[in-house]
Amino acid sequence: MTVLPTANALVGRQQIRSFGTTGRVQQPNKLTRYFQQMKETCPDRIRSYAKCVVQAESAGALNKGVCEQEFAQVKACFRQVRRQQE
């Protein structure tokens, strides 16, 4: 049976803190908020890129740059969302 260290237990010279609940709701960080907004704003572009990658992989032709155009569209949409959030 594995024994986990207790809260604030010292192991070597590093302090380990437990990740128990504190009773407060954790707010998503900035990256998480951006990603959620990107999924809502860019689903067609994300789907198009994913479809391209899956097709290339199925054909055995998944190499760097194969889905470059689709990736560029996803990237442009993500950047647009990020600029709107800032």
N, C-alpha and C. Protein backbone atom coordinates (compact mmCIF):
# COMPACT_ATOMS: atom_id res chain seq x y z
N MET A 1 0.85 -1.18 0.00
CA MET A 1 0.00 0.00 0.00
C MET A 1 0.89 1.24 0.00
N THR A 2 0.59 2.19 -0.86
CA THR A 2 1.36 3.42 -0.97
C THR A 2 0.83 4.45 0.01
N VAL A 3 1.73 5.08 0.73
CA VAL A 3 1.35 6.13 1.67
C VAL A 3 1.68 7.47 1.04
N LEU A 4 0.67 8.31 0.90
CA LEU A 4 0.87 9.64 0.33
C LEU A 4 1.29 10.61 1.41
N PRO A 5 2.16 11.58 1.09
CA PRO A 5 2.57 12.55 2.09
C PRO A 5 1.41 13.43 2.51
N THR A 6 1.43 13.85 3.74
CA THR A 6 0.38 14.74 4.24
C THR A 6 0.65 16.16 3.77
N ALA A 7 -0.29 17.04 4.02
CA ALA A 7 -0.15 18.44 3.62
C ALA A 7 1.10 19.03 4.23
N ASN A 8 1.83 19.74 3.42
CA ASN A 8 3.04 20.45 3.83
C ASN A 8 4.14 19.52 4.37
N ALA A 9 4.14 18.26 3.99
CA ALA A 9 5.19 17.34 4.42
C ALA A 9 6.48 17.66 3.67
N LEU A 10 7.58 17.53 4.35
CA LEU A 10 8.86 17.80 3.71
C LEU A 10 9.44 16.50 3.17
N VAL A 11 9.81 16.50 1.91
CA VAL A 11 10.44 15.36 1.28
C VAL A 11 11.75 15.88 0.72
N GLY A 12 12.86 15.44 1.32
CA GLY A 12 14.15 16.00 0.92
C GLY A 12 14.14 17.47 1.28
N ARG A 13 14.40 18.30 0.30
CA ARG A 13 14.38 19.75 0.54
C ARG A 13 13.17 20.42 -0.10
N GLN A 14 12.30 19.61 -0.72
CA GLN A 14 11.13 20.18 -1.38
C GLN A 14 9.91 20.03 -0.50
N GLN A 15 9.10 21.04 -0.51
CA GLN A 15 7.87 21.01 0.27
C GLN A 15 6.74 20.57 -0.65
N ILE A 16 5.95 19.59 -0.22
CA ILE A 16 4.83 19.09 -0.99
C ILE A 16 3.56 19.53 -0.30
N ARG A 17 2.64 20.08 -1.08
CA ARG A 17 1.36 20.50 -0.52
C ARG A 17 0.27 19.63 -1.11
N SER A 18 -0.68 19.28 -0.29
CA SER A 18 -1.79 18.47 -0.79
C SER A 18 -2.70 19.34 -1.64
N PHE A 19 -3.43 18.70 -2.51
CA PHE A 19 -4.32 19.41 -3.41
C PHE A 19 -5.77 19.13 -3.03
N GLY A 20 -6.08 19.23 -1.76
CA GLY A 20 -7.44 19.02 -1.28
C GLY A 20 -8.32 20.20 -1.64
N THR A 21 -9.60 20.03 -1.44
CA THR A 21 -10.53 21.11 -1.74
C THR A 21 -10.50 22.14 -0.62
N THR A 22 -10.67 23.37 -0.99
CA THR A 22 -10.66 24.46 -0.01
C THR A 22 -12.05 25.04 0.18
N GLY A 23 -13.03 24.54 -0.55
CA GLY A 23 -14.39 25.04 -0.42
C GLY A 23 -14.70 26.18 -1.36
N ARG A 24 -13.72 26.69 -2.07
CA ARG A 24 -13.99 27.78 -3.00
C ARG A 24 -13.95 27.26 -4.43
N VAL A 25 -14.66 27.92 -5.30
CA VAL A 25 -14.72 27.52 -6.70
C VAL A 25 -13.50 28.07 -7.42
N GLN A 26 -12.81 27.18 -8.11
CA GLN A 26 -11.61 27.60 -8.83
C GLN A 26 -12.01 28.23 -10.16
N GLN A 27 -11.50 29.40 -10.42
CA GLN A 27 -11.78 30.11 -11.65
C GLN A 27 -10.80 29.65 -12.73
N PRO A 28 -11.26 29.50 -13.98
CA PRO A 28 -10.35 29.10 -15.04
C PRO A 28 -9.30 30.18 -15.29
N ASN A 29 -8.09 29.75 -15.63
CA ASN A 29 -7.04 30.72 -15.92
C ASN A 29 -7.25 31.32 -17.31
N LYS A 30 -6.42 32.27 -17.68
CA LYS A 30 -6.59 32.99 -18.93
C LYS A 30 -6.52 32.07 -20.14
N LEU A 31 -5.59 31.14 -20.15
CA LEU A 31 -5.45 30.22 -21.28
C LEU A 31 -6.70 29.35 -21.43
N THR A 32 -7.24 28.89 -20.33
CA THR A 32 -8.45 28.07 -20.37
C THR A 32 -9.63 28.87 -20.92
N ARG A 33 -9.75 30.12 -20.50
CA ARG A 33 -10.83 30.97 -21.02
C ARG A 33 -10.67 31.19 -22.51
N TYR A 34 -9.44 31.47 -22.96
CA TYR A 34 -9.18 31.65 -24.39
C TYR A 34 -9.56 30.39 -25.16
N PHE A 35 -9.14 29.24 -24.66
CA PHE A 35 -9.40 28.00 -25.37
C PHE A 35 -10.90 27.71 -25.46
N GLN A 36 -11.63 27.98 -24.39
CA GLN A 36 -13.08 27.78 -24.42
C GLN A 36 -13.71 28.68 -25.48
N GLN A 37 -13.28 29.92 -25.53
CA GLN A 37 -13.82 30.86 -26.52
C GLN A 37 -13.43 30.44 -27.94
N MET A 38 -12.23 29.93 -28.12
CA MET A 38 -11.78 29.48 -29.43
C MET A 38 -12.63 28.31 -29.92
N LYS A 39 -12.96 27.39 -29.02
CA LYS A 39 -13.79 26.24 -29.39
C LYS A 39 -15.19 26.69 -29.80
N GLU A 40 -15.69 27.74 -29.18
CA GLU A 40 -17.01 28.26 -29.52
C GLU A 40 -17.01 29.07 -30.81
N THR A 41 -15.91 29.79 -31.06
CA THR A 41 -15.83 30.70 -32.20
C THR A 41 -15.33 30.01 -33.47
N CYS A 42 -14.46 29.02 -33.34
CA CYS A 42 -13.78 28.44 -34.50
C CYS A 42 -14.07 26.96 -34.75
N PRO A 43 -15.27 26.44 -34.46
CA PRO A 43 -15.45 24.99 -34.57
C PRO A 43 -15.30 24.45 -35.99
N ASP A 44 -15.73 25.20 -36.99
CA ASP A 44 -15.63 24.72 -38.37
C ASP A 44 -14.18 24.61 -38.82
N ARG A 45 -13.38 25.59 -38.43
CA ARG A 45 -11.95 25.56 -38.82
C ARG A 45 -11.21 24.45 -38.08
N ILE A 46 -11.54 24.26 -36.80
CA ILE A 46 -10.92 23.19 -36.03
C ILE A 46 -11.30 21.84 -36.64
N ARG A 47 -12.56 21.68 -36.98
CA ARG A 47 -13.06 20.43 -37.57
C ARG A 47 -12.38 20.17 -38.92
N SER A 48 -12.23 21.20 -39.72
CA SER A 48 -11.59 21.06 -41.03
C SER A 48 -10.13 20.60 -40.89
N TYR A 49 -9.42 21.19 -39.93
CA TYR A 49 -8.03 20.80 -39.69
C TYR A 49 -7.95 19.36 -39.19
N ALA A 50 -8.82 19.02 -38.26
CA ALA A 50 -8.82 17.65 -37.72
C ALA A 50 -9.13 16.64 -38.82
N LYS A 51 -10.07 16.96 -39.66
CA LYS A 51 -10.44 16.07 -40.76
C LYS A 51 -9.26 15.87 -41.71
N CYS A 52 -8.55 16.94 -42.00
CA CYS A 52 -7.38 16.85 -42.87
C CYS A 52 -6.32 15.95 -42.26
N VAL A 53 -6.05 16.11 -40.98
CA VAL A 53 -5.04 15.31 -40.29
C VAL A 53 -5.43 13.84 -40.29
N VAL A 54 -6.69 13.55 -39.99
CA VAL A 54 -7.17 12.16 -39.96
C VAL A 54 -7.07 11.53 -41.35
N GLN A 55 -7.47 12.26 -42.38
CA GLN A 55 -7.40 11.73 -43.75
C GLN A 55 -5.95 11.47 -44.16
N ALA A 56 -5.07 12.40 -43.83
CA ALA A 56 -3.66 12.22 -44.19
C ALA A 56 -3.07 11.03 -43.44
N GLU A 57 -3.44 10.88 -42.17
CA GLU A 57 -2.93 9.75 -41.39
C GLU A 57 -3.45 8.43 -41.94
N SER A 58 -4.72 8.40 -42.30
CA SER A 58 -5.32 7.18 -42.86
C SER A 58 -4.66 6.78 -44.18
N ALA A 59 -4.25 7.78 -44.94
CA ALA A 59 -3.60 7.53 -46.23
C ALA A 59 -2.10 7.25 -46.07
N GLY A 60 -1.61 7.35 -44.84
CA GLY A 60 -0.18 7.13 -44.61
C GLY A 60 0.68 8.27 -45.12
N ALA A 61 0.08 9.44 -45.25
CA ALA A 61 0.79 10.59 -45.80
C ALA A 61 0.86 11.75 -44.83
N LEU A 62 0.84 11.46 -43.55
CA LEU A 62 0.88 12.53 -42.55
C LEU A 62 2.32 13.00 -42.38
N ASN A 63 2.62 14.10 -43.00
CA ASN A 63 3.96 14.71 -42.94
C ASN A 63 3.81 16.19 -42.62
N LYS A 64 4.91 16.79 -42.22
CA LYS A 64 4.90 18.21 -41.91
C LYS A 64 4.42 19.01 -43.12
N GLY A 65 3.47 19.91 -42.88
CA GLY A 65 2.99 20.79 -43.94
C GLY A 65 1.82 20.25 -44.75
N VAL A 66 1.39 19.01 -44.48
CA VAL A 66 0.30 18.42 -45.26
C VAL A 66 -0.99 19.23 -45.10
N CYS A 67 -1.29 19.65 -43.91
CA CYS A 67 -2.53 20.40 -43.63
C CYS A 67 -2.21 21.85 -43.28
N GLU A 68 -1.22 22.38 -43.92
CA GLU A 68 -0.74 23.73 -43.60
C GLU A 68 -1.81 24.80 -43.78
N GLN A 69 -2.58 24.70 -44.85
CA GLN A 69 -3.62 25.70 -45.11
C GLN A 69 -4.70 25.66 -44.03
N GLU A 70 -5.14 24.47 -43.65
CA GLU A 70 -6.16 24.33 -42.61
C GLU A 70 -5.63 24.82 -41.27
N PHE A 71 -4.37 24.49 -40.97
CA PHE A 71 -3.77 24.94 -39.72
C PHE A 71 -3.67 26.46 -39.67
N ALA A 72 -3.32 27.07 -40.80
CA ALA A 72 -3.22 28.54 -40.87
C ALA A 72 -4.58 29.19 -40.57
N GLN A 73 -5.66 28.57 -41.02
CA GLN A 73 -6.99 29.11 -40.75
C GLN A 73 -7.34 29.00 -39.26
N VAL A 74 -7.00 27.87 -38.65
CA VAL A 74 -7.24 27.69 -37.22
C VAL A 74 -6.42 28.71 -36.43
N LYS A 75 -5.17 28.85 -36.79
CA LYS A 75 -4.27 29.77 -36.10
C LYS A 75 -4.78 31.22 -36.20
N ALA A 76 -5.24 31.61 -37.39
CA ALA A 76 -5.76 32.96 -37.58
C ALA A 76 -7.01 33.19 -36.72
N CYS A 77 -7.87 32.20 -36.65
CA CYS A 77 -9.07 32.32 -35.83
C CYS A 77 -8.71 32.42 -34.35
N PHE A 78 -7.77 31.59 -33.90
CA PHE A 78 -7.34 31.63 -32.51
C PHE A 78 -6.75 33.00 -32.16
N ARG A 79 -5.96 33.54 -33.05
CA ARG A 79 -5.37 34.87 -32.80
C ARG A 79 -6.44 35.94 -32.72
N GLN A 80 -7.44 35.83 -33.57
CA GLN A 80 -8.55 36.79 -33.57
C GLN A 80 -9.27 36.75 -32.21
N VAL A 81 -9.54 35.55 -31.73
CA VAL A 81 -10.21 35.40 -30.44
C VAL A 81 -9.36 35.98 -29.33
N ARG A 82 -8.07 35.70 -29.35
CA ARG A 82 -7.18 36.20 -28.30
C ARG A 82 -7.16 37.73 -28.29
N ARG A 83 -7.13 38.34 -29.45
CA ARG A 83 -7.11 39.80 -29.53
C ARG A 83 -8.42 40.40 -28.99
N GLN A 84 -9.52 39.73 -29.24
CA GLN A 84 -10.82 40.21 -28.77
C GLN A 84 -10.90 40.13 -27.24
N GLN A 85 -10.22 39.15 -26.65
CA GLN A 85 -10.28 38.94 -25.20
C GLN A 85 -9.36 39.89 -24.44
N GLU A 86 -8.36 40.43 -25.09
CA GLU A 86 -7.37 41.28 -24.38
C GLU A 86 -7.84 42.68 -24.23
